[in-house]
Amino acid sequence: MVRIILGAIAIAVLTIIATIALSPAMATSTDMESYLWTPAGVGRHEIVCKRVIIHPEARPLPQSSHQQPVQIRSAIVSENYCAGMPKPAY
């Protein structure tokens, strides 16, 4: 009887430890995210706030290359994200 209770406690403790240790909150991201003022598009003079995310990719490159491949995504966001930066006058 005591062995069953100790076994159940051990399983409960291990489950709690595994849940905490493998929690998504402990996950890390190598993505770089920044906000900047930039023209809305090519040939446009409207200045907007954009979020730019740079995500490193694990794909092979020629050995002569000293660069890391990345995927760049950007999207127009609220001006509140760029409020702390001076807005350029183009």
PDB file of N, CA and C in Angstrom:
ATOM      1  N   MET A   1       0.816  -1.191   0.000  1.00  0.00           N
ATOM      2  CA  MET A   1       0.000   0.000   0.000  1.00  0.00           C
ATOM      3  C   MET A   1       0.865   1.263   0.000  1.00  0.00           C
ATOM      4  N   VAL A   2       1.907   1.261   0.854  1.00  0.00           N
ATOM      5  CA  VAL A   2       2.810   2.410   0.925  1.00  0.00           C
ATOM      6  C   VAL A   2       3.544   2.586  -0.404  1.00  0.00           C
ATOM      7  N   ARG A   3       3.928   1.463  -1.035  1.00  0.00           N
ATOM      8  CA  ARG A   3       4.626   1.531  -2.326  1.00  0.00           C
ATOM      9  C   ARG A   3       3.737   2.167  -3.397  1.00  0.00           C
ATOM     10  N   ILE A   4       2.483   1.869  -3.384  1.00  0.00           N
ATOM     11  CA  ILE A   4       1.560   2.435  -4.380  1.00  0.00           C
ATOM     12  C   ILE A   4       1.431   3.941  -4.181  1.00  0.00           C
ATOM     13  N   ILE A   5       1.311   4.356  -2.936  1.00  0.00           N
ATOM     14  CA  ILE A   5       1.190   5.788  -2.640  1.00  0.00           C
ATOM     15  C   ILE A   5       2.474   6.517  -3.027  1.00  0.00           C
ATOM     16  N   LEU A   6       3.641   5.965  -2.670  1.00  0.00           N
ATOM     17  CA  LEU A   6       4.923   6.597  -3.034  1.00  0.00           C
ATOM     18  C   LEU A   6       5.107   6.631  -4.551  1.00  0.00           C
ATOM     19  N   GLY A   7       4.683   5.574  -5.233  1.00  0.00           N
ATOM     20  CA  GLY A   7       4.765   5.545  -6.697  1.00  0.00           C
ATOM     21  C   GLY A   7       3.884   6.611  -7.336  1.00  0.00           C
ATOM     22  N   ALA A   8       2.678   6.779  -6.804  1.00  0.00           N
ATOM     23  CA  ALA A   8       1.763   7.799  -7.315  1.00  0.00           C
ATOM     24  C   ALA A   8       2.317   9.203  -7.075  1.00  0.00           C
ATOM     25  N   ILE A   9       2.898   9.428  -5.913  1.00  0.00           N
ATOM     26  CA  ILE A   9       3.501  10.732  -5.613  1.00  0.00           C
ATOM     27  C   ILE A   9       4.685  10.991  -6.543  1.00  0.00           C
ATOM     28  N   ALA A  10       5.513   9.981  -6.756  1.00  0.00           N
ATOM     29  CA  ALA A  10       6.669  10.134  -7.646  1.00  0.00           C
ATOM     30  C   ALA A  10       6.216  10.471  -9.067  1.00  0.00           C
ATOM     31  N   ILE A  11       5.184   9.808  -9.560  1.00  0.00           N
ATOM     32  CA  ILE A  11       4.674  10.087 -10.907  1.00  0.00           C
ATOM     33  C   ILE A  11       4.109  11.507 -10.984  1.00  0.00           C
ATOM     34  N   ALA A  12       3.389  11.928  -9.940  1.00  0.00           N
ATOM     35  CA  ALA A  12       2.831  13.285  -9.919  1.00  0.00           C
ATOM     36  C   ALA A  12       3.937  14.334  -9.935  1.00  0.00           C
ATOM     37  N   VAL A  13       4.981  14.127  -9.124  1.00  0.00           N
ATOM     38  CA  VAL A  13       6.102  15.079  -9.073  1.00  0.00           C
ATOM     39  C   VAL A  13       6.819  15.131 -10.423  1.00  0.00           C
ATOM     40  N   LEU A  14       7.076  13.978 -11.019  1.00  0.00           N
ATOM     41  CA  LEU A  14       7.740  13.961 -12.329  1.00  0.00           C
ATOM     42  C   LEU A  14       6.891  14.626 -13.402  1.00  0.00           C
ATOM     43  N   THR A  15       5.597  14.442 -13.348  1.00  0.00           N
ATOM     44  CA  THR A  15       4.704  15.095 -14.310  1.00  0.00           C
ATOM     45  C   THR A  15       4.743  16.608 -14.151  1.00  0.00           C
ATOM     46  N   ILE A  16       4.721  17.086 -12.927  1.00  0.00           N
ATOM     47  CA  ILE A  16       4.786  18.539 -12.680  1.00  0.00           C
ATOM     48  C   ILE A  16       6.115  19.101 -13.149  1.00  0.00           C
ATOM     49  N   ILE A  17       7.206  18.426 -12.858  1.00  0.00           N
ATOM     50  CA  ILE A  17       8.529  18.890 -13.288  1.00  0.00           C
ATOM     51  C   ILE A  17       8.617  18.925 -14.810  1.00  0.00           C
ATOM     52  N   ALA A  18       8.141  17.895 -15.483  1.00  0.00           N
ATOM     53  CA  ALA A  18       8.183  17.856 -16.950  1.00  0.00           C
ATOM     54  C   ALA A  18       7.314  18.955 -17.545  1.00  0.00           C
ATOM     55  N   THR A  19       6.168  19.227 -16.944  1.00  0.00           N
ATOM     56  CA  THR A  19       5.278  20.284 -17.440  1.00  0.00           C
ATOM     57  C   THR A  19       5.935  21.648 -17.315  1.00  0.00           C
ATOM     58  N   ILE A  20       6.584  21.901 -16.219  1.00  0.00           N
ATOM     59  CA  ILE A  20       7.250  23.189 -16.011  1.00  0.00           C
ATOM     60  C   ILE A  20       8.473  23.308 -16.920  1.00  0.00           C
ATOM     61  N   ALA A  21       9.254  22.266 -17.020  1.00  0.00           N
ATOM     62  CA  ALA A  21      10.495  22.311 -17.796  1.00  0.00           C
ATOM     63  C   ALA A  21      10.230  22.412 -19.296  1.00  0.00           C
ATOM     64  N   LEU A  22       9.151  21.836 -19.773  1.00  0.00           N
ATOM     65  CA  LEU A  22       8.871  21.825 -21.211  1.00  0.00           C
ATOM     66  C   LEU A  22       7.785  22.813 -21.604  1.00  0.00           C
ATOM     67  N   SER A  23       7.501  23.758 -20.741  1.00  0.00           N
ATOM     68  CA  SER A  23       6.465  24.745 -20.990  1.00  0.00           C
ATOM     69  C   SER A  23       6.833  25.626 -22.176  1.00  0.00           C
ATOM     70  N   PRO A  24       5.868  26.009 -23.026  1.00  0.00           N
ATOM     71  CA  PRO A  24       6.158  26.910 -24.140  1.00  0.00           C
ATOM     72  C   PRO A  24       6.705  28.254 -23.683  1.00  0.00           C
ATOM     73  N   ALA A  25       6.423  28.650 -22.459  1.00  0.00           N
ATOM     74  CA  ALA A  25       6.957  29.908 -21.956  1.00  0.00           C
ATOM     75  C   ALA A  25       8.470  29.863 -21.839  1.00  0.00           C
ATOM     76  N   MET A  26       9.037  28.688 -21.779  1.00  0.00           N
ATOM     77  CA  MET A  26      10.483  28.543 -21.685  1.00  0.00           C
ATOM     78  C   MET A  26      11.127  28.517 -23.078  1.00  0.00           C
ATOM     79  N   ALA A  27      10.318  28.543 -24.113  1.00  0.00           N
ATOM     80  CA  ALA A  27      10.839  28.466 -25.476  1.00  0.00           C
ATOM     81  C   ALA A  27      11.591  29.751 -25.812  1.00  0.00           C
ATOM     82  N   THR A  28      12.585  29.619 -26.657  1.00  0.00           N
ATOM     83  CA  THR A  28      13.336  30.778 -27.098  1.00  0.00           C
ATOM     84  C   THR A  28      13.153  30.951 -28.594  1.00  0.00           C
ATOM     85  N   SER A  29      13.290  32.154 -29.050  1.00  0.00           N
ATOM     86  CA  SER A  29      13.136  32.452 -30.465  1.00  0.00           C
ATOM     87  C   SER A  29      14.380  33.182 -30.936  1.00  0.00           C
ATOM     88  N   THR A  30      14.857  32.829 -32.109  1.00  0.00           N
ATOM     89  CA  THR A  30      16.017  33.503 -32.672  1.00  0.00           C
ATOM     90  C   THR A  30      15.591  34.611 -33.629  1.00  0.00           C
ATOM     91  N   ASP A  31      14.278  34.835 -33.747  1.00  0.00           N
ATOM     92  CA  ASP A  31      13.785  35.889 -34.633  1.00  0.00           C
ATOM     93  C   ASP A  31      14.129  37.258 -34.069  1.00  0.00           C
ATOM     94  N   MET A  32      14.513  38.170 -34.966  1.00  0.00           N
ATOM     95  CA  MET A  32      14.755  39.547 -34.574  1.00  0.00           C
ATOM     96  C   MET A  32      13.570  40.368 -35.066  1.00  0.00           C
ATOM     97  N   GLU A  33      12.978  41.133 -34.181  1.00  0.00           N
ATOM     98  CA  GLU A  33      11.807  41.941 -34.532  1.00  0.00           C
ATOM     99  C   GLU A  33      12.129  43.390 -34.251  1.00  0.00           C
ATOM    100  N   SER A  34      11.834  44.265 -35.215  1.00  0.00           N
ATOM    101  CA  SER A  34      12.050  45.688 -34.996  1.00  0.00           C
ATOM    102  C   SER A  34      10.951  46.476 -35.698  1.00  0.00           C
ATOM    103  N   TYR A  35      10.789  47.703 -35.256  1.00  0.00           N
ATOM    104  CA  TYR A  35       9.799  48.604 -35.822  1.00  0.00           C
ATOM    105  C   TYR A  35      10.533  49.803 -36.395  1.00  0.00           C
ATOM    106  N   LEU A  36      10.081  50.282 -37.562  1.00  0.00           N
ATOM    107  CA  LEU A  36      10.747  51.415 -38.185  1.00  0.00           C
ATOM    108  C   LEU A  36       9.795  52.194 -39.073  1.00  0.00           C
ATOM    109  N   TRP A  37      10.137  53.464 -39.261  1.00  0.00           N
ATOM    110  CA  TRP A  37       9.401  54.303 -40.191  1.00  0.00           C
ATOM    111  C   TRP A  37       9.974  54.060 -41.580  1.00  0.00           C
ATOM    112  N   THR A  38       9.110  53.875 -42.546  1.00  0.00           N
ATOM    113  CA  THR A  38       9.562  53.592 -43.903  1.00  0.00           C
ATOM    114  C   THR A  38       8.468  53.974 -44.892  1.00  0.00           C
ATOM    115  N   PRO A  39       8.830  54.231 -46.143  1.00  0.00           N
ATOM    116  CA  PRO A  39       7.784  54.495 -47.145  1.00  0.00           C
ATOM    117  C   PRO A  39       6.844  53.301 -47.258  1.00  0.00           C
ATOM    118  N   ALA A  40       5.568  53.573 -47.534  1.00  0.00           N
ATOM    119  CA  ALA A  40       4.552  52.515 -47.611  1.00  0.00           C
ATOM    120  C   ALA A  40       4.847  51.535 -48.738  1.00  0.00           C
ATOM    121  N   GLY A  41       5.535  51.969 -49.748  1.00  0.00           N
ATOM    122  CA  GLY A  41       5.866  51.083 -50.863  1.00  0.00           C
ATOM    123  C   GLY A  41       6.789  51.798 -51.843  1.00  0.00           C
ATOM    124  N   VAL A  42       7.215  51.076 -52.849  1.00  0.00           N
ATOM    125  CA  VAL A  42       8.116  51.642 -53.855  1.00  0.00           C
ATOM    126  C   VAL A  42       7.389  52.748 -54.604  1.00  0.00           C
ATOM    127  N   GLY A  43       8.014  53.901 -54.672  1.00  0.00           N
ATOM    128  CA  GLY A  43       7.434  55.030 -55.388  1.00  0.00           C
ATOM    129  C   GLY A  43       6.369  55.780 -54.612  1.00  0.00           C
ATOM    130  N   ARG A  44       6.128  55.404 -53.371  1.00  0.00           N
ATOM    131  CA  ARG A  44       5.117  56.093 -52.561  1.00  0.00           C
ATOM    132  C   ARG A  44       5.819  57.001 -51.574  1.00  0.00           C
ATOM    133  N   HIS A  45       5.210  58.113 -51.261  1.00  0.00           N
ATOM    134  CA  HIS A  45       5.820  59.089 -50.362  1.00  0.00           C
ATOM    135  C   HIS A  45       5.195  59.081 -48.974  1.00  0.00           C
ATOM    136  N   GLU A  46       4.191  58.253 -48.769  1.00  0.00           N
ATOM    137  CA  GLU A  46       3.561  58.137 -47.454  1.00  0.00           C
ATOM    138  C   GLU A  46       4.481  57.354 -46.520  1.00  0.00           C
ATOM    139  N   ILE A  47       4.742  57.898 -45.337  1.00  0.00           N
ATOM    140  CA  ILE A  47       5.600  57.234 -44.354  1.00  0.00           C
ATOM    141  C   ILE A  47       4.707  56.477 -43.360  1.00  0.00           C
ATOM    142  N   VAL A  48       5.005  55.190 -43.167  1.00  0.00           N
ATOM    143  CA  VAL A  48       4.215  54.347 -42.265  1.00  0.00           C
ATOM    144  C   VAL A  48       5.148  53.628 -41.293  1.00  0.00           C
ATOM    145  N   CYS A  49       4.575  53.112 -40.231  1.00  0.00           N
ATOM    146  CA  CYS A  49       5.320  52.311 -39.270  1.00  0.00           C
ATOM    147  C   CYS A  49       5.225  50.852 -39.708  1.00  0.00           C
ATOM    148  N   LYS A  50       6.373  50.184 -39.818  1.00  0.00           N
ATOM    149  CA  LYS A  50       6.385  48.780 -40.215  1.00  0.00           C
ATOM    150  C   LYS A  50       7.084  47.932 -39.169  1.00  0.00           C
ATOM    151  N   ARG A  51       6.554  46.729 -38.986  1.00  0.00           N
ATOM    152  CA  ARG A  51       7.219  45.724 -38.146  1.00  0.00           C
ATOM    153  C   ARG A  51       7.991  44.826 -39.096  1.00  0.00           C
ATOM    154  N   VAL A  52       9.276  44.659 -38.827  1.00  0.00           N
ATOM    155  CA  VAL A  52      10.131  43.814 -39.656  1.00  0.00           C
ATOM    156  C   VAL A  52      10.617  42.655 -38.790  1.00  0.00           C
ATOM    157  N   ILE A  53      10.401  41.425 -39.276  1.00  0.00           N
ATOM    158  CA  ILE A  53      10.841  40.225 -38.560  1.00  0.00           C
ATOM    159  C   ILE A  53      11.856  39.508 -39.429  1.00  0.00           C
ATOM    160  N   ILE A  54      13.028  39.259 -38.859  1.00  0.00           N
ATOM    161  CA  ILE A  54      14.096  38.541 -39.565  1.00  0.00           C
ATOM    162  C   ILE A  54      14.234  37.178 -38.891  1.00  0.00           C
ATOM    163  N   HIS A  55      13.997  36.126 -39.673  1.00  0.00           N
ATOM    164  CA  HIS A  55      14.002  34.757 -39.161  1.00  0.00           C
ATOM    165  C   HIS A  55      15.139  33.967 -39.816  1.00  0.00           C
ATOM    166  N   PRO A  56      16.141  33.517 -39.049  1.00  0.00           N
ATOM    167  CA  PRO A  56      17.220  32.702 -39.621  1.00  0.00           C
ATOM    168  C   PRO A  56      16.675  31.370 -40.138  1.00  0.00           C
ATOM    169  N   GLU A  57      17.179  30.935 -41.264  1.00  0.00           N
ATOM    170  CA  GLU A  57      16.757  29.661 -41.839  1.00  0.00           C
ATOM    171  C   GLU A  57      17.912  28.674 -41.818  1.00  0.00           C
ATOM    172  N   ALA A  58      17.572  27.417 -41.662  1.00  0.00           N
ATOM    173  CA  ALA A  58      18.583  26.355 -41.644  1.00  0.00           C
ATOM    174  C   ALA A  58      18.583  25.661 -42.998  1.00  0.00           C
ATOM    175  N   ARG A  59      19.146  26.336 -43.981  1.00  0.00           N
ATOM    176  CA  ARG A  59      19.277  25.695 -45.289  1.00  0.00           C
ATOM    177  C   ARG A  59      20.728  25.831 -45.738  1.00  0.00           C
ATOM    178  N   PRO A  60      21.186  24.878 -46.502  1.00  0.00           N
ATOM    179  CA  PRO A  60      22.601  24.888 -46.888  1.00  0.00           C
ATOM    180  C   PRO A  60      22.928  26.025 -47.864  1.00  0.00           C
ATOM    181  N   LEU A  61      24.120  26.562 -47.698  1.00  0.00           N
ATOM    182  CA  LEU A  61      24.664  27.568 -48.601  1.00  0.00           C
ATOM    183  C   LEU A  61      26.014  27.069 -49.102  1.00  0.00           C
ATOM    184  N   PRO A  62      26.508  27.626 -50.188  1.00  0.00           N
ATOM    185  CA  PRO A  62      27.842  27.230 -50.627  1.00  0.00           C
ATOM    186  C   PRO A  62      28.874  27.506 -49.528  1.00  0.00           C
ATOM    187  N   GLN A  63      29.888  26.678 -49.463  1.00  0.00           N
ATOM    188  CA  GLN A  63      30.902  26.860 -48.419  1.00  0.00           C
ATOM    189  C   GLN A  63      31.631  28.184 -48.541  1.00  0.00           C
ATOM    190  N   SER A  64      31.645  28.766 -49.729  1.00  0.00           N
ATOM    191  CA  SER A  64      32.325  30.044 -49.921  1.00  0.00           C
ATOM    192  C   SER A  64      31.525  31.207 -49.325  1.00  0.00           C
ATOM    193  N   SER A  65      30.262  30.980 -48.999  1.00  0.00           N
ATOM    194  CA  SER A  65      29.410  32.032 -48.457  1.00  0.00           C
ATOM    195  C   SER A  65      29.645  32.176 -46.956  1.00  0.00           C
ATOM    196  N   HIS A  66      29.788  33.403 -46.503  1.00  0.00           N
ATOM    197  CA  HIS A  66      29.969  33.682 -45.074  1.00  0.00           C
ATOM    198  C   HIS A  66      28.715  34.318 -44.501  1.00  0.00           C
ATOM    199  N   GLN A  67      27.592  34.135 -45.177  1.00  0.00           N
ATOM    200  CA  GLN A  67      26.338  34.721 -44.737  1.00  0.00           C
ATOM    201  C   GLN A  67      25.396  33.647 -44.234  1.00  0.00           C
ATOM    202  N   GLN A  68      24.428  34.069 -43.458  1.00  0.00           N
ATOM    203  CA  GLN A  68      23.411  33.154 -42.956  1.00  0.00           C
ATOM    204  C   GLN A  68      22.113  33.451 -43.699  1.00  0.00           C
ATOM    205  N   PRO A  69      21.442  32.426 -44.217  1.00  0.00           N
ATOM    206  CA  PRO A  69      20.177  32.686 -44.908  1.00  0.00           C
ATOM    207  C   PRO A  69      19.094  33.106 -43.915  1.00  0.00           C
ATOM    208  N   VAL A  70      18.298  34.085 -44.314  1.00  0.00           N
ATOM    209  CA  VAL A  70      17.213  34.569 -43.474  1.00  0.00           C
ATOM    210  C   VAL A  70      15.956  34.765 -44.297  1.00  0.00           C
ATOM    211  N   GLN A  71      14.832  34.764 -43.622  1.00  0.00           N
ATOM    212  CA  GLN A  71      13.560  35.114 -44.240  1.00  0.00           C
ATOM    213  C   GLN A  71      13.134  36.423 -43.598  1.00  0.00           C
ATOM    214  N   ILE A  72      12.774  37.411 -44.414  1.00  0.00           N
ATOM    215  CA  ILE A  72      12.383  38.717 -43.899  1.00  0.00           C
ATOM    216  C   ILE A  72      10.905  38.941 -44.198  1.00  0.00           C
ATOM    217  N   ARG A  73      10.153  39.253 -43.144  1.00  0.00           N
ATOM    218  CA  ARG A  73       8.733  39.557 -43.296  1.00  0.00           C
ATOM    219  C   ARG A  73       8.488  40.951 -42.729  1.00  0.00           C
ATOM    220  N   SER A  74       7.631  41.716 -43.394  1.00  0.00           N
ATOM    221  CA  SER A  74       7.286  43.030 -42.869  1.00  0.00           C
ATOM    222  C   SER A  74       5.795  43.272 -43.053  1.00  0.00           C
ATOM    223  N   ALA A  75       5.259  44.105 -42.186  1.00  0.00           N
ATOM    224  CA  ALA A  75       3.841  44.453 -42.246  1.00  0.00           C
ATOM    225  C   ALA A  75       3.651  45.848 -41.677  1.00  0.00           C
ATOM    226  N   ILE A  76       2.732  46.581 -42.248  1.00  0.00           N
ATOM    227  CA  ILE A  76       2.388  47.900 -41.728  1.00  0.00           C
ATOM    228  C   ILE A  76       1.591  47.707 -40.437  1.00  0.00           C
ATOM    229  N   VAL A  77       1.990  48.445 -39.395  1.00  0.00           N
ATOM    230  CA  VAL A  77       1.330  48.341 -38.088  1.00  0.00           C
ATOM    231  C   VAL A  77       0.918  49.734 -37.618  1.00  0.00           C
ATOM    232  N   SER A  78       0.283  49.800 -36.482  1.00  0.00           N
ATOM    233  CA  SER A  78      -0.153  51.068 -35.901  1.00  0.00           C
ATOM    234  C   SER A  78       1.044  51.970 -35.622  1.00  0.00           C
ATOM    235  N   GLU A  79       0.844  53.262 -35.779  1.00  0.00           N
ATOM    236  CA  GLU A  79       1.921  54.226 -35.515  1.00  0.00           C
ATOM    237  C   GLU A  79       2.345  54.218 -34.051  1.00  0.00           C
ATOM    238  N   ASN A  80       1.539  53.648 -33.178  1.00  0.00           N
ATOM    239  CA  ASN A  80       1.880  53.588 -31.749  1.00  0.00           C
ATOM    240  C   ASN A  80       3.173  52.810 -31.513  1.00  0.00           C
ATOM    241  N   TYR A  81       3.467  51.825 -32.369  1.00  0.00           N
ATOM    242  CA  TYR A  81       4.675  51.024 -32.204  1.00  0.00           C
ATOM    243  C   TYR A  81       5.935  51.839 -32.488  1.00  0.00           C
ATOM    244  N   CYS A  82       5.833  52.855 -33.312  1.00  0.00           N
ATOM    245  CA  CYS A  82       6.998  53.683 -33.677  1.00  0.00           C
ATOM    246  C   CYS A  82       6.977  55.031 -32.956  1.00  0.00           C
ATOM    247  N   ALA A  83       6.100  55.191 -31.986  1.00  0.00           N
ATOM    248  CA  ALA A  83       5.925  56.487 -31.323  1.00  0.00           C
ATOM    249  C   ALA A  83       7.194  57.003 -30.676  1.00  0.00           C
ATOM    250  N   GLY A  84       8.077  56.132 -30.235  1.00  0.00           N
ATOM    251  CA  GLY A  84       9.291  56.569 -29.550  1.00  0.00           C
ATOM    252  C   GLY A  84      10.412  56.987 -30.502  1.00  0.00           C
ATOM    253  N   MET A  85      10.178  56.869 -31.787  1.00  0.00           N
ATOM    254  CA  MET A  85      11.211  57.214 -32.786  1.00  0.00           C
ATOM    255  C   MET A  85      10.765  58.442 -33.579  1.00  0.00           C
ATOM    256  N   PRO A  86      11.709  59.319 -33.925  1.00  0.00           N
ATOM    257  CA  PRO A  86      11.319  60.459 -34.734  1.00  0.00           C
ATOM    258  C   PRO A  86      10.895  60.022 -36.135  1.00  0.00           C
ATOM    259  N   LYS A  87       9.819  60.606 -36.632  1.00  0.00           N
ATOM    260  CA  LYS A  87       9.307  60.268 -37.953  1.00  0.00           C
ATOM    261  C   LYS A  87      10.115  61.046 -38.991  1.00  0.00           C
ATOM    262  N   PRO A  88      10.754  60.355 -39.939  1.00  0.00           N
ATOM    263  CA  PRO A  88      11.563  61.056 -40.937  1.00  0.00           C
ATOM    264  C   PRO A  88      10.678  61.825 -41.917  1.00  0.00           C
ATOM    265  N   ALA A  89      11.236  62.852 -42.482  1.00  0.00           N
ATOM    266  CA  ALA A  89      10.522  63.641 -43.500  1.00  0.00           C
ATOM    267  C   ALA A  89      11.167  63.347 -44.853  1.00  0.00           C
ATOM    268  N   TYR A  90      10.524  62.536 -45.645  1.00  0.00           N
ATOM    269  CA  TYR A  90      11.065  62.210 -46.975  1.00  0.00           C
ATOM    270  C   TYR A  90      10.575  63.197 -47.991  1.00  0.00           C
TER     271      TYR A  90
END
